Amino acid sequence: MKTELKRLIAGVSCLIALPCVAAASTTKSETKSQELVDATKWKLSWQDEFSEQKLDDTKWKLCKRGNADWMNTVSDDPRLIKVENGILQLRGIENDNKEKDPVPYLTGAITSKGKYSFKYGKVQVRARFKCADGSWPALWMLGAEKGWPANGEIDLMEHLNFDDKIYQTMHSVYTLKIDKTNTPKHGSTTPILRDGWNTYGCEWDFDRVMFTVNGIPTLTYPRLLEKGEKQWPFMQPFYFILSMQIGGGWVNGKVPTNPEHYPAYMEVDWVRVYKPVSK
């Protein structure tokens, strides 16, 4: 009798637990992660929780198409950007009207350039993506002064194809044109829960950038005073770019784009910037 009672209790416990698991993957209240931030060190300075049913145009604008790989399929097609239930979705789709636009794919990308930029702080962006061969979702930051690469670039996350890892990288004139030894190390890869939510970010101050994934430090890139501004252009305000690119030399160097895998997308739960607490 005691054995049967234990089995019954166990069965009821499973039935109670299962709906909670299902709810966590479908409801916004459950997908919203309250990342632990030390309130004695950091205070929230700027955020977008995507709580409206449209993109907040006081914080973001659409990226424009250009020649670089990350932007050569960017489009203002309204199907590519959706804000719903507190989630921003940037999509990549096959182009179904090549008479209007000859590119094979259309992709969504937004930027805070001219809307919001900041200098130093703690950044956290919670995101997930639907993988596809040829997909290249990315979360990154560019310096607001000078042109690339003199303005510097901080790549919080780049993901390729069906990889189980992401790339985090620092770019500058020094890393791209001067340094041939990768000293100091300016990029790394980190394993992730590929099909789930992960939080990508960095802590940035006047003499270093420390990347994080899910709150865990992954790579620290230091300022080298003797190398000058070409090594450290990271003393200026930076703005965000969130993009869902398809194709390009880097991503297609691994596998070709597979049209059967599309549409694909990146979803962003929130973007948050913290400033140090004054002592």
Protein backbone atom coordinates (compact mmCIF):
# COMPACT_ATOMS: atom_id res chain seq x y z
CA MET A 1 0.00 0.00 0.00
CA LYS A 2 2.83 2.41 0.88
CA THR A 3 4.57 1.59 -2.42
CA GLU A 4 1.42 2.34 -4.41
CA LEU A 5 0.94 5.62 -2.51
CA LYS A 6 4.48 6.70 -3.34
CA ARG A 7 3.90 5.92 -7.01
CA LEU A 8 0.66 7.90 -6.98
CA ILE A 9 2.34 10.92 -5.37
CA ALA A 10 5.20 10.74 -7.87
CA GLY A 11 2.75 10.58 -10.75
CA VAL A 12 0.81 13.58 -9.50
CA SER A 13 4.06 15.52 -9.02
CA CYS A 14 5.03 14.86 -12.64
CA LEU A 15 1.65 16.03 -13.89
CA ILE A 16 1.95 19.22 -11.87
CA ALA A 17 5.48 19.90 -13.03
CA LEU A 18 4.98 19.31 -16.74
CA PRO A 19 2.70 22.31 -17.44
CA CYS A 20 5.24 24.55 -15.72
CA VAL A 21 7.93 23.38 -18.12
CA ALA A 22 5.67 23.98 -21.11
CA ALA A 23 4.72 27.42 -19.87
CA ALA A 24 8.35 28.44 -19.55
CA SER A 25 8.84 28.04 -23.28
CA THR A 26 5.68 29.81 -24.38
CA THR A 27 4.75 32.62 -22.00
CA LYS A 28 6.46 35.98 -21.87
CA SER A 29 6.39 36.17 -18.08
CA GLU A 30 8.45 33.02 -17.91
CA THR A 31 10.85 33.85 -20.75
CA LYS A 32 11.73 37.16 -19.10
CA SER A 33 14.94 36.41 -17.27
CA GLN A 34 15.92 38.56 -14.32
CA GLU A 35 19.67 38.43 -14.73
CA LEU A 36 21.48 38.89 -11.46
CA VAL A 37 23.41 42.15 -11.39
CA ASP A 38 25.28 43.31 -8.31
CA ALA A 39 23.31 46.39 -7.27
CA THR A 40 26.21 47.60 -5.15
CA LYS A 41 28.30 47.93 -8.32
CA TRP A 42 25.84 48.63 -11.15
CA LYS A 43 22.69 50.66 -11.73
CA LEU A 44 20.42 50.39 -14.76
CA SER A 45 21.01 53.30 -17.14
CA TRP A 46 19.14 52.41 -20.34
CA GLN A 47 17.01 49.52 -21.53
CA ASP A 48 14.54 48.25 -24.06
CA GLU A 49 12.28 45.42 -22.93
CA PHE A 50 10.34 45.48 -26.23
CA SER A 51 7.10 45.76 -24.26
CA GLU A 52 5.24 47.67 -26.99
CA GLN A 53 3.80 46.07 -30.13
CA LYS A 54 6.13 48.02 -32.38
CA LEU A 55 9.75 49.09 -32.52
CA ASP A 56 10.48 52.08 -30.29
CA ASP A 57 11.65 54.72 -32.77
CA THR A 58 13.06 56.87 -29.97
CA LYS A 59 15.66 54.13 -29.44
CA TRP A 60 16.08 52.38 -32.80
CA LYS A 61 15.97 52.87 -36.54
CA LEU A 62 16.30 50.47 -39.45
CA CYS A 63 19.76 49.81 -40.85
CA LYS A 64 20.37 50.73 -44.46
CA ARG A 65 21.82 48.43 -47.08
CA GLY A 66 25.49 48.69 -47.93
CA ASN A 67 28.28 46.76 -49.59
CA ALA A 68 29.71 45.00 -46.52
CA ASP A 69 28.69 41.37 -46.03
CA TRP A 70 26.72 42.09 -42.85
CA MET A 71 24.47 44.63 -44.61
CA ASN A 72 24.25 43.65 -48.28
CA THR A 73 20.80 42.02 -47.92
CA VAL A 74 19.34 44.45 -45.35
CA SER A 75 15.82 45.54 -46.28
CA ASP A 76 12.99 47.67 -44.91
CA ASP A 77 10.45 44.97 -45.86
CA PRO A 78 7.90 45.05 -42.99
CA ARG A 79 7.95 41.25 -42.73
CA LEU A 80 11.50 41.32 -41.36
CA ILE A 81 10.97 43.09 -38.03
CA LYS A 82 8.27 42.20 -35.52
CA VAL A 83 7.75 43.16 -31.87
CA GLU A 84 5.22 40.95 -30.13
CA ASN A 85 4.66 39.74 -26.57
CA GLY A 86 7.77 41.57 -25.42
CA ILE A 87 10.08 39.94 -27.98
CA LEU A 88 11.87 41.59 -30.90
CA GLN A 89 12.19 39.25 -33.88
CA LEU A 90 14.59 40.03 -36.73
CA ARG A 91 13.95 37.72 -39.67
CA GLY A 92 15.83 36.48 -42.69
CA ILE A 93 13.73 35.28 -45.63
CA GLU A 94 14.05 34.27 -49.26
CA ASN A 95 13.37 37.17 -51.58
CA ASP A 96 10.07 36.46 -53.35
CA ASN A 97 10.21 39.52 -55.62
CA LYS A 98 13.58 39.76 -57.37
CA GLU A 99 12.15 42.10 -60.00
CA LYS A 100 11.78 44.72 -57.27
CA ASP A 101 15.02 43.83 -55.48
CA PRO A 102 17.60 41.47 -57.06
CA VAL A 103 19.20 40.12 -53.86
CA PRO A 104 18.45 36.42 -53.10
CA TYR A 105 17.56 37.02 -49.44
CA LEU A 106 16.14 39.84 -47.33
CA THR A 107 17.26 40.49 -43.76
CA GLY A 108 16.24 42.69 -40.84
CA ALA A 109 18.67 44.84 -38.89
CA ILE A 110 18.27 47.78 -36.50
CA THR A 111 20.66 50.27 -34.92
CA SER A 112 20.62 52.81 -32.10
CA LYS A 113 22.94 55.13 -34.07
CA GLY A 114 21.78 58.72 -33.67
CA LYS A 115 19.26 57.59 -31.03
CA TYR A 116 21.38 56.25 -28.20
CA SER A 117 25.07 55.78 -27.55
CA PHE A 118 27.09 55.45 -24.37
CA LYS A 119 30.63 55.36 -23.07
CA TYR A 120 31.63 52.63 -20.61
CA GLY A 121 29.34 50.38 -18.61
CA LYS A 122 27.92 46.90 -18.40
CA VAL A 123 25.92 45.57 -21.36
CA GLN A 124 23.56 42.61 -21.40
CA VAL A 125 21.48 41.37 -24.34
CA ARG A 126 19.30 38.27 -24.02
CA ALA A 127 18.70 36.49 -27.32
CA ARG A 128 18.05 33.22 -29.11
CA PHE A 129 17.90 32.19 -32.75
CA LYS A 130 16.44 29.72 -35.21
CA CYS A 131 19.47 28.20 -36.91
CA ALA A 132 19.93 27.78 -40.65
CA ASP A 133 22.80 27.10 -43.02
CA GLY A 134 23.95 30.54 -44.09
CA SER A 135 22.49 32.40 -41.10
CA TRP A 136 24.59 34.98 -39.27
CA PRO A 137 22.74 36.65 -36.36
CA ALA A 138 24.86 39.22 -34.55
CA LEU A 139 24.80 41.67 -31.63
CA TRP A 140 27.49 44.29 -31.81
CA MET A 141 28.57 47.85 -31.10
CA LEU A 142 30.36 50.51 -33.16
CA GLY A 143 32.13 53.71 -32.15
CA ALA A 144 30.14 56.84 -32.95
CA GLU A 145 33.21 58.84 -34.03
CA LYS A 146 35.30 58.35 -37.21
CA GLY A 147 34.81 55.62 -39.80
CA TRP A 148 35.41 51.89 -39.54
CA PRO A 149 37.78 50.44 -38.37
CA ALA A 150 39.25 53.57 -36.75
CA ASN A 151 36.11 53.90 -34.62
CA GLY A 152 36.46 50.38 -33.16
CA GLU A 153 34.00 47.50 -33.00
CA ILE A 154 32.85 45.34 -30.09
CA ASP A 155 31.13 42.11 -31.19
CA LEU A 156 29.04 40.86 -28.27
CA MET A 157 27.84 37.83 -30.22
CA GLU A 158 28.07 36.38 -33.71
CA HIS A 159 26.63 32.97 -34.56
CA LEU A 160 27.10 30.93 -37.73
CA ASN A 161 24.91 28.22 -39.23
CA PHE A 162 24.17 25.43 -36.71
CA ASP A 163 27.24 26.02 -34.52
CA ASP A 164 27.09 25.21 -30.81
CA LYS A 165 29.31 28.19 -30.10
CA ILE A 166 29.39 31.95 -30.58
CA TYR A 167 32.16 34.40 -31.45
CA GLN A 168 33.06 37.50 -29.42
CA THR A 169 35.61 39.83 -30.97
CA MET A 170 37.28 43.23 -30.71
CA HIS A 171 38.13 45.06 -33.94
CA SER A 172 40.30 48.13 -34.54
CA VAL A 173 42.96 49.36 -36.94
CA TYR A 174 45.45 47.58 -34.70
CA THR A 175 43.74 44.16 -34.77
CA LEU A 176 42.96 44.29 -38.49
CA LYS A 177 45.99 45.97 -40.06
CA ILE A 178 48.88 46.12 -37.61
CA ASP A 179 48.93 43.20 -35.19
CA LYS A 180 49.92 39.91 -36.85
CA THR A 181 50.34 37.89 -33.66
CA ASN A 182 46.91 38.27 -32.01
CA THR A 183 48.58 39.93 -29.00
CA PRO A 184 46.68 40.65 -26.89
CA LYS A 185 44.11 38.03 -27.88
CA HIS A 186 41.19 39.94 -29.36
CA GLY A 187 38.63 37.20 -30.05
CA SER A 188 37.32 33.94 -28.65
CA THR A 189 34.55 31.37 -29.00
CA THR A 190 32.25 30.13 -26.24
CA PRO A 191 29.86 27.15 -26.14
CA ILE A 192 26.18 28.04 -25.74
CA LEU A 193 22.80 26.44 -25.29
CA ARG A 194 22.27 26.75 -29.03
CA ASP A 195 18.49 26.56 -29.25
CA GLY A 196 17.71 28.38 -26.01
CA TRP A 197 18.01 31.82 -24.47
CA ASN A 198 21.49 33.10 -23.65
CA THR A 199 22.66 36.45 -22.35
CA TYR A 200 25.58 38.07 -24.18
CA GLY A 201 27.41 41.09 -22.90
CA CYS A 202 30.50 42.87 -21.74
CA GLU A 203 31.89 45.11 -19.03
CA TRP A 204 33.73 48.05 -20.58
CA ASP A 205 35.83 50.75 -18.97
CA PHE A 206 38.78 52.98 -19.86
CA ASP A 207 41.38 50.20 -19.93
CA ARG A 208 39.65 46.89 -20.77
CA VAL A 209 36.63 45.12 -22.25
CA MET A 210 35.56 41.90 -20.55
CA PHE A 211 33.11 39.77 -22.56
CA THR A 212 30.53 37.60 -20.80
CA VAL A 213 28.08 34.84 -21.71
CA ASN A 214 25.31 34.15 -19.20
CA GLY A 215 27.18 36.28 -16.68
CA ILE A 216 30.41 34.28 -16.95
CA PRO A 217 33.57 36.09 -18.16
CA THR A 218 34.88 34.68 -21.44
CA LEU A 219 37.64 37.02 -22.69
CA THR A 220 39.26 40.21 -21.44
CA TYR A 221 40.87 42.55 -23.95
CA PRO A 222 43.21 45.14 -22.33
CA ARG A 223 44.32 48.58 -23.37
CA LEU A 224 48.03 48.80 -24.21
CA LEU A 225 49.09 52.40 -23.66
CA GLU A 226 52.23 52.06 -25.77
CA LYS A 227 50.15 51.05 -28.83
CA GLY A 228 48.11 54.24 -28.88
CA GLU A 229 44.68 55.02 -30.29
CA LYS A 230 44.86 52.51 -33.14
CA GLN A 231 44.86 49.71 -30.57
CA TRP A 232 42.38 51.42 -28.25
CA PRO A 233 39.74 53.55 -30.01
CA PHE A 234 37.35 52.49 -27.24
CA MET A 235 37.34 55.87 -25.48
CA GLN A 236 34.29 57.21 -27.32
CA PRO A 237 30.52 56.59 -27.24
CA PHE A 238 29.35 53.38 -28.91
CA TYR A 239 25.95 52.46 -30.36
CA PHE A 240 24.22 49.12 -30.96
CA ILE A 241 23.58 47.13 -34.13
CA LEU A 242 21.34 44.04 -34.00
CA SER A 243 21.28 42.13 -37.28
CA MET A 244 20.04 38.90 -38.86
CA GLN A 245 22.28 38.50 -41.89
CA ILE A 246 22.18 35.66 -44.43
CA GLY A 247 25.27 34.65 -46.35
CA GLY A 248 28.66 36.24 -46.83
CA GLY A 249 32.26 35.17 -47.16
CA TRP A 250 32.71 34.16 -43.53
CA VAL A 251 29.50 32.21 -42.95
CA ASN A 252 29.51 30.61 -46.43
CA GLY A 253 33.15 29.67 -46.01
CA LYS A 254 31.82 26.95 -43.73
CA VAL A 255 28.65 25.84 -45.55
CA PRO A 256 26.54 27.22 -48.42
CA THR A 257 23.24 28.91 -47.67
CA ASN A 258 20.36 26.44 -47.78
CA PRO A 259 17.11 28.09 -48.94
CA GLU A 260 15.07 25.24 -47.46
CA HIS A 261 16.06 26.41 -43.96
CA TYR A 262 14.35 29.79 -44.29
CA PRO A 263 12.76 31.82 -42.86
CA ALA A 264 15.19 32.01 -39.95
CA TYR A 265 15.40 34.61 -37.23
CA MET A 266 17.00 36.06 -34.13
CA GLU A 267 14.81 36.97 -31.17
CA VAL A 268 15.86 39.54 -28.57
CA ASP A 269 14.21 39.54 -25.16
CA TRP A 270 15.85 42.73 -23.92
CA VAL A 271 18.84 45.08 -24.17
CA ARG A 272 20.17 46.64 -20.95
CA VAL A 273 23.00 49.03 -20.17
CA TYR A 274 24.26 49.60 -16.63
CA LYS A 275 26.55 52.30 -15.24
CA PRO A 276 28.87 51.91 -12.25
CA VAL A 277 27.47 52.96 -8.91
CA SER A 278 29.24 56.10 -7.71
CA LYS A 279 31.27 55.55 -4.58
